[in-house]
Amino acid sequence: MIIGNMLRRVVPAVEYEIGLAVPQIIEQAAVSDRPEIIRTAGVTQLLILHSQIMDELRDREIVRTANAPLGDYAELLFATAFGWSLENNSSNGHDATDAAGLRYQIKSRRVTLRNASRQLSAIRRLPEDTFDFLAAVLFNESYRVTKAIVIPHAVVARRSKRVEHTNSWRFILDDGVWAEEGARDVTAALLSAAAAI
């Protein structure tokens, strides 16, 4: 089904007839809880819309997979900000390398009113030194960068907790990480990258 025809069924005619532009819809989303199009669409329609948005983000090379966009977006921001080369999706242990050959594992977390946890996704093979630095970014509910950091592997290893049942390590990106030796706040660089994309 063509998305435009689908949306015409759920968007009041007055909105699409007067040409409500995408930026205006986004602005409405920032001002109100959610735009009308989101609140009135059925579940199947929302899933189709999400799928098509993901396809468009892939076409624009914002994301690289069909997964939730947060991880791919974080990788793109770091690569854009620092000129890192992103590895293939199948690479083990790191997501990017810089010109000097240093390896970066990139993690992200979206902090929301419903879930304020700063626990990053599972870190695998931590003792094997598969990365030199952890590059991590926190987003707010609207996918805006709030804080970003690059952390040496040694700090990550010291602050991580082993999780036996998942054969991984848990790392929480609390404010104390920014005070760690060798940690580098890169929030401004990621905000600039986000504005440039």
Protein backbone atom coordinates (compact mmCIF):
# COMPACT_ATOMS: atom_id res chain seq x y z
CA MET A 1 0.00 0.00 0.00
CA ILE A 2 1.35 3.45 -0.85
CA ILE A 3 2.09 5.35 2.34
CA GLY A 4 0.40 8.54 1.12
CA ASN A 5 -2.89 6.75 0.52
CA MET A 6 -2.62 5.01 3.85
CA LEU A 7 -1.99 8.26 5.69
CA ARG A 8 -4.89 10.02 3.96
CA ARG A 9 -7.18 7.57 5.77
CA VAL A 10 -5.89 8.57 9.20
CA VAL A 11 -4.98 12.24 8.72
CA PRO A 12 -7.85 14.70 8.67
CA ALA A 13 -8.33 16.03 5.14
CA VAL A 14 -7.86 19.60 6.28
CA GLU A 15 -4.28 18.81 7.31
CA TYR A 16 -3.08 17.32 4.05
CA GLU A 17 -5.16 19.67 1.87
CA ILE A 18 -3.53 22.75 3.37
CA GLY A 19 -0.14 21.12 2.87
CA LEU A 20 1.02 20.57 6.43
CA ALA A 21 4.72 20.04 5.85
CA VAL A 22 6.85 17.40 7.54
CA PRO A 23 8.78 20.04 9.55
CA GLN A 24 5.45 21.32 10.88
CA ILE A 25 4.42 17.79 11.87
CA ILE A 26 7.76 17.35 13.64
CA GLU A 27 7.32 20.71 15.36
CA GLN A 28 3.86 19.62 16.51
CA ALA A 29 5.44 16.47 17.94
CA ALA A 30 7.89 18.58 19.93
CA VAL A 31 5.14 20.87 21.23
CA SER A 32 2.39 18.37 21.87
CA ASP A 33 2.54 14.79 23.00
CA ARG A 34 2.37 13.32 19.47
CA PRO A 35 1.07 14.50 16.11
CA GLU A 36 -2.45 13.50 15.13
CA ILE A 37 -1.16 11.12 12.46
CA ILE A 38 0.55 9.00 15.12
CA ARG A 39 -2.29 9.10 17.66
CA THR A 40 -4.98 8.04 15.19
CA ALA A 41 -3.16 5.41 13.11
CA GLY A 42 -3.87 1.75 13.78
CA VAL A 43 -1.16 -0.59 15.02
CA THR A 44 -0.58 -2.15 11.60
CA GLN A 45 -0.41 1.31 10.04
CA LEU A 46 2.16 2.43 12.62
CA LEU A 47 4.28 -0.63 11.98
CA ILE A 48 4.13 -0.06 8.22
CA LEU A 49 5.05 3.59 8.72
CA HIS A 50 7.95 2.60 10.97
CA SER A 51 9.17 0.10 8.38
CA GLN A 52 9.01 2.66 5.59
CA ILE A 53 10.76 5.27 7.71
CA MET A 54 13.53 2.75 8.41
CA ASP A 55 13.82 2.06 4.66
CA GLU A 56 14.14 5.79 4.00
CA LEU A 57 16.76 6.21 6.74
CA ARG A 58 18.74 3.33 5.18
CA ASP A 59 18.43 4.89 1.71
CA ARG A 60 19.79 8.14 3.15
CA GLU A 61 22.62 6.15 4.80
CA ILE A 62 21.60 7.31 8.28
CA VAL A 63 21.22 3.72 9.51
CA ARG A 64 22.88 0.55 8.23
CA THR A 65 20.52 -2.18 9.45
CA ALA A 66 16.82 -2.88 9.88
CA ASN A 67 17.22 -2.76 13.65
CA ALA A 68 16.02 0.09 15.83
CA PRO A 69 17.83 3.17 14.51
CA LEU A 70 19.55 4.28 17.71
CA GLY A 71 22.72 2.18 17.44
CA ASP A 72 23.26 2.88 13.75
CA TYR A 73 22.61 6.58 14.31
CA ALA A 74 25.18 6.67 17.13
CA GLU A 75 27.75 4.99 14.87
CA LEU A 76 27.08 7.52 12.12
CA LEU A 77 27.45 10.45 14.54
CA PHE A 78 30.82 9.26 15.85
CA ALA A 79 32.10 8.45 12.35
CA THR A 80 30.99 11.87 11.10
CA ALA A 81 32.41 13.73 14.09
CA PHE A 82 35.84 12.08 14.04
CA GLY A 83 36.31 10.65 10.55
CA TRP A 84 36.33 7.06 11.81
CA SER A 85 35.81 4.18 9.39
CA LEU A 86 32.83 2.03 10.26
CA GLU A 87 33.40 -1.71 10.22
CA ASN A 88 31.12 -4.26 8.59
CA ASN A 89 28.13 -5.21 10.70
CA SER A 90 29.67 -8.64 11.27
CA SER A 91 32.86 -7.26 12.87
CA ASN A 92 33.50 -8.64 16.33
CA GLY A 93 34.27 -6.44 19.26
CA HIS A 94 34.47 -3.02 17.66
CA ASP A 95 32.41 -0.84 15.35
CA ALA A 96 34.92 1.66 13.98
CA THR A 97 38.61 2.44 13.59
CA ASP A 98 40.43 5.75 13.32
CA ALA A 99 43.31 6.70 11.01
CA ALA A 100 45.83 5.46 13.60
CA GLY A 101 44.18 2.04 13.74
CA LEU A 102 42.61 2.51 17.19
CA ARG A 103 39.40 0.49 17.60
CA TYR A 104 36.15 1.86 19.01
CA GLN A 105 33.11 0.03 20.26
CA ILE A 106 30.14 2.38 19.96
CA LYS A 107 27.19 2.21 22.35
CA SER A 108 24.15 4.38 22.88
CA ARG A 109 21.20 4.75 25.19
CA ARG A 110 17.94 6.66 24.82
CA VAL A 111 16.91 8.03 28.20
CA THR A 112 13.15 8.59 28.51
CA LEU A 113 10.63 9.45 31.19
CA ARG A 114 9.53 5.81 31.15
CA ASN A 115 13.05 4.43 31.35
CA ALA A 116 15.84 6.59 32.77
CA SER A 117 18.37 3.75 32.89
CA ARG A 118 21.82 4.52 31.54
CA GLN A 119 22.82 0.87 31.19
CA LEU A 120 24.36 0.31 27.78
CA SER A 121 23.71 -2.81 25.73
CA ALA A 122 25.75 -5.90 26.60
CA ILE A 123 29.50 -5.76 26.05
CA ARG A 124 30.88 -9.03 24.73
CA ARG A 125 34.40 -10.48 25.06
CA LEU A 126 35.58 -7.63 27.30
CA PRO A 127 38.74 -9.38 28.60
CA GLU A 128 39.86 -10.09 25.01
CA ASP A 129 40.62 -6.39 24.37
CA THR A 130 38.65 -6.33 21.11
CA PHE A 131 38.43 -2.52 21.33
CA ASP A 132 40.69 0.27 22.58
CA PHE A 133 37.96 2.75 23.50
CA LEU A 134 34.26 2.72 24.22
CA ALA A 135 32.47 5.60 22.49
CA ALA A 136 29.10 6.18 24.12
CA VAL A 137 26.27 8.64 23.69
CA LEU A 138 23.10 9.37 25.61
CA PHE A 139 20.04 10.59 23.72
CA ASN A 140 16.87 12.15 25.06
CA GLU A 141 13.38 10.99 24.09
CA SER A 142 13.54 12.95 20.83
CA TYR A 143 16.82 11.34 19.71
CA ARG A 144 18.81 14.47 20.56
CA VAL A 145 22.33 14.06 21.92
CA THR A 146 22.52 14.97 25.60
CA LYS A 147 25.97 13.63 26.56
CA ALA A 148 28.73 11.77 24.76
CA ILE A 149 32.08 10.38 25.82
CA VAL A 150 35.07 8.31 24.70
CA ILE A 151 36.38 6.01 27.45
CA PRO A 152 39.59 3.94 27.56
CA HIS A 153 39.15 0.15 27.63
CA ALA A 154 40.81 -0.07 31.06
CA VAL A 155 38.13 2.17 32.59
CA VAL A 156 35.35 0.13 30.96
CA ALA A 157 36.87 -3.12 32.24
CA ARG A 158 37.19 -1.77 35.77
CA ARG A 159 33.65 -0.37 35.94
CA SER A 160 31.83 -3.26 34.21
CA LYS A 161 30.06 -6.13 35.96
CA ARG A 162 30.01 -9.68 34.63
CA VAL A 163 26.56 -11.07 33.76
CA GLU A 164 26.89 -14.86 33.70
CA HIS A 165 23.55 -15.79 32.14
CA THR A 166 24.23 -13.62 29.05
CA ASN A 167 27.99 -14.23 28.94
CA SER A 168 28.57 -10.49 28.79
CA TRP A 169 29.46 -7.42 30.82
CA ARG A 170 27.14 -4.67 32.03
CA PHE A 171 28.29 -1.05 31.90
CA ILE A 172 26.29 1.88 33.26
CA LEU A 173 27.11 5.29 31.82
CA ASP A 174 26.58 7.30 34.99
CA ASP A 175 27.91 10.84 35.48
CA GLY A 176 30.95 9.53 37.38
CA VAL A 177 32.39 8.11 34.14
CA TRP A 178 33.12 11.65 32.93
CA ALA A 179 35.53 12.13 35.86
CA GLU A 180 37.55 9.00 35.02
CA GLU A 181 41.17 9.37 33.93
CA GLY A 182 41.45 9.31 30.16
CA ALA A 183 37.74 9.89 29.60
CA ARG A 184 37.02 12.55 27.00
CA ASP A 185 33.73 14.46 26.80
CA VAL A 186 32.77 14.65 23.12
CA THR A 187 29.23 16.01 23.49
CA ALA A 188 29.94 19.16 21.48
CA ALA A 189 31.47 17.16 18.62
CA LEU A 190 28.44 14.86 18.38
CA LEU A 191 26.01 17.78 18.53
CA SER A 192 27.90 19.35 15.61
CA ALA A 193 27.79 16.06 13.70
CA ALA A 194 24.04 15.75 14.30
CA ALA A 195 23.50 19.29 13.00
CA ALA A 196 25.56 18.48 9.88
CA ILE A 197 23.70 15.30 8.93
